[in-house]
N, C-alpha and C. Protein backbone atom coordinates (compact mmCIF):
# COMPACT_ATOMS: atom_id res chain seq x y z
N MET A 1 72.78 -15.69 -48.95
CA MET A 1 72.57 -16.27 -46.76
C MET A 1 73.17 -17.81 -46.64
N TYR A 2 73.71 -17.95 -45.14
CA TYR A 2 73.38 -18.33 -45.41
C TYR A 2 73.00 -19.24 -43.76
N ASP A 3 73.18 -20.56 -43.38
CA ASP A 3 71.90 -20.13 -43.19
C ASP A 3 72.17 -20.86 -41.23
N LEU A 4 72.66 -20.58 -39.98
CA LEU A 4 73.30 -20.05 -39.33
C LEU A 4 72.74 -21.48 -38.36
N ILE A 5 71.28 -22.11 -39.21
CA ILE A 5 71.09 -23.05 -37.76
C ILE A 5 71.09 -24.44 -37.96
N ASP A 6 72.15 -25.54 -37.76
CA ASP A 6 71.06 -27.16 -38.68
C ASP A 6 70.33 -27.02 -38.05
N TYR A 7 70.15 -26.88 -39.32
CA TYR A 7 68.03 -27.79 -39.26
C TYR A 7 68.27 -29.25 -39.04
N THR A 8 68.68 -30.07 -40.13
CA THR A 8 68.96 -31.75 -39.84
C THR A 8 69.29 -32.00 -37.62
N ALA A 9 69.91 -31.06 -38.07
CA ALA A 9 70.56 -31.93 -36.44
C ALA A 9 69.58 -31.62 -35.21
N LEU A 10 68.83 -29.92 -35.95
CA LEU A 10 67.50 -30.30 -34.52
C LEU A 10 66.54 -30.37 -34.43
N VAL A 11 66.41 -31.11 -36.13
CA VAL A 11 65.13 -31.97 -35.72
C VAL A 11 65.42 -33.10 -34.90
N GLU A 12 66.99 -33.89 -35.45
CA GLU A 12 67.11 -35.46 -34.86
C GLU A 12 66.95 -35.49 -33.30
N ILE A 13 67.00 -33.93 -32.95
CA ILE A 13 67.45 -33.79 -31.21
C ILE A 13 66.57 -33.22 -30.72
N VAL A 14 65.31 -33.50 -31.43
CA VAL A 14 64.01 -32.75 -30.84
C VAL A 14 63.33 -34.49 -30.85
N GLU A 15 63.73 -34.87 -31.72
CA GLU A 15 63.25 -36.50 -31.89
C GLU A 15 63.85 -37.39 -30.41
N GLN A 16 64.56 -37.53 -30.56
CA GLN A 16 65.69 -37.82 -29.69
C GLN A 16 63.94 -37.58 -28.03
N PHE A 17 64.21 -36.80 -28.09
CA PHE A 17 64.40 -36.20 -26.75
C PHE A 17 62.19 -36.33 -26.41
N PHE A 18 61.63 -36.17 -27.85
CA PHE A 18 59.60 -35.92 -27.91
C PHE A 18 59.74 -38.23 -27.51
N THR A 19 60.71 -38.81 -28.22
CA THR A 19 60.64 -39.96 -28.28
C THR A 19 60.68 -40.69 -27.08
N MET A 20 62.27 -40.00 -25.98
CA MET A 20 62.41 -40.34 -24.30
C MET A 20 61.21 -39.92 -23.74
N PHE A 21 60.94 -38.39 -23.85
CA PHE A 21 59.67 -38.38 -23.60
C PHE A 21 58.16 -38.70 -23.10
N ILE A 22 57.67 -39.53 -24.29
CA ILE A 22 56.64 -40.37 -24.59
C ILE A 22 56.80 -40.84 -24.16
N ASN A 23 57.60 -41.98 -24.11
CA ASN A 23 58.20 -43.46 -23.50
C ASN A 23 58.23 -43.43 -21.84
N SER A 24 58.60 -41.82 -21.44
CA SER A 24 58.25 -41.97 -19.29
C SER A 24 57.11 -42.87 -19.01
N GLY A 25 58.02 -42.64 -18.19
CA GLY A 25 56.38 -43.27 -16.94
C GLY A 25 55.86 -42.27 -16.73
N PHE A 26 56.52 -40.73 -16.41
CA PHE A 26 55.76 -39.30 -16.34
C PHE A 26 54.10 -39.04 -17.54
N THR A 27 54.87 -38.95 -18.81
CA THR A 27 54.04 -38.73 -19.42
C THR A 27 52.77 -39.86 -19.75
N LYS A 28 52.86 -40.71 -19.29
CA LYS A 28 51.98 -42.08 -19.11
C LYS A 28 50.55 -42.09 -18.59
N GLY A 29 50.93 -41.60 -17.42
CA GLY A 29 50.23 -41.08 -15.91
C GLY A 29 49.96 -39.57 -16.00
N LEU A 30 50.33 -38.70 -16.44
CA LEU A 30 50.12 -37.87 -17.47
C LEU A 30 48.96 -37.99 -18.29
N LEU A 31 48.67 -38.45 -18.82
CA LEU A 31 47.75 -38.78 -19.68
C LEU A 31 46.85 -39.15 -19.17
N VAL A 32 46.93 -40.44 -18.63
CA VAL A 32 46.09 -41.07 -17.28
C VAL A 32 45.00 -40.26 -16.70
N GLY A 33 45.92 -39.31 -15.32
CA GLY A 33 45.63 -38.37 -15.36
C GLY A 33 44.52 -37.36 -15.65
N ALA A 34 44.71 -36.82 -16.75
CA ALA A 34 44.21 -35.91 -17.64
C ALA A 34 42.95 -36.50 -17.80
N SER A 35 42.94 -37.85 -18.33
CA SER A 35 41.66 -39.22 -19.45
C SER A 35 40.23 -38.94 -17.96
N LEU A 36 41.36 -38.68 -16.93
CA LEU A 36 40.46 -38.69 -15.43
C LEU A 36 39.68 -38.12 -15.05
N GLU A 37 40.49 -37.05 -14.99
CA GLU A 37 40.29 -35.66 -14.55
C GLU A 37 39.23 -35.14 -15.48
N LEU A 38 39.00 -35.65 -16.95
CA LEU A 38 38.07 -35.17 -17.69
C LEU A 38 36.94 -35.65 -17.66
N LEU A 39 36.93 -37.13 -17.39
CA LEU A 39 36.09 -38.43 -16.61
C LEU A 39 35.16 -37.82 -15.65
N GLY A 40 35.95 -37.59 -15.04
CA GLY A 40 35.30 -36.48 -13.38
C GLY A 40 34.40 -35.58 -13.48
N TYR A 41 35.42 -34.66 -14.07
CA TYR A 41 34.32 -33.63 -14.38
C TYR A 41 33.25 -33.69 -15.24
N GLY A 42 33.26 -35.17 -16.05
CA GLY A 42 31.76 -35.39 -16.91
C GLY A 42 30.57 -35.63 -16.55
N ILE A 43 31.53 -36.53 -15.38
CA ILE A 43 30.23 -36.96 -14.29
C ILE A 43 29.97 -35.94 -12.72
N PHE A 44 30.86 -35.26 -12.99
CA PHE A 44 30.19 -34.37 -11.62
C PHE A 44 29.08 -33.01 -12.06
N LYS A 45 29.97 -32.74 -13.87
CA LYS A 45 28.36 -31.59 -14.38
C LYS A 45 27.81 -32.35 -14.44
N ALA A 46 27.64 -33.76 -15.29
CA ALA A 46 26.07 -34.53 -15.63
C ALA A 46 25.99 -34.40 -14.42
N VAL A 47 25.78 -35.45 -12.77
CA VAL A 47 24.65 -35.23 -12.11
C VAL A 47 24.63 -33.74 -11.48
N SER A 48 25.43 -32.88 -11.80
CA SER A 48 24.66 -32.14 -10.55
C SER A 48 23.85 -31.56 -12.22
N LEU A 49 23.61 -31.48 -13.19
CA LEU A 49 23.02 -31.45 -14.32
C LEU A 49 21.68 -32.00 -12.80
N ILE A 50 21.73 -33.14 -13.29
CA ILE A 50 20.42 -33.62 -12.80
C ILE A 50 19.53 -33.18 -11.44
N ASN A 51 20.68 -32.60 -10.30
CA ASN A 51 20.21 -32.43 -9.55
C ASN A 51 19.72 -30.86 -9.96
N ILE A 52 19.81 -30.39 -10.57
CA ILE A 52 19.41 -29.13 -10.48
C ILE A 52 17.79 -29.33 -11.39
N ASN A 53 17.92 -30.57 -12.01
CA ASN A 53 16.55 -30.04 -13.11
C ASN A 53 15.46 -30.99 -12.78
N TYR A 54 15.97 -31.25 -11.23
CA TYR A 54 14.74 -32.48 -10.37
C TYR A 54 14.05 -31.75 -8.80
């Protein structure tokens, strides 16, 4: 059975695009935004639970 896909070339292409995506500013902004979103949700949830208890 012959392979129709050259896996080594495919891996190299994916690595190139992955490193370009990781090094872009969009990804860094996306990570900062996601972490701030989770942090903000955690603070909101804690404050709402404190308000329920009192």
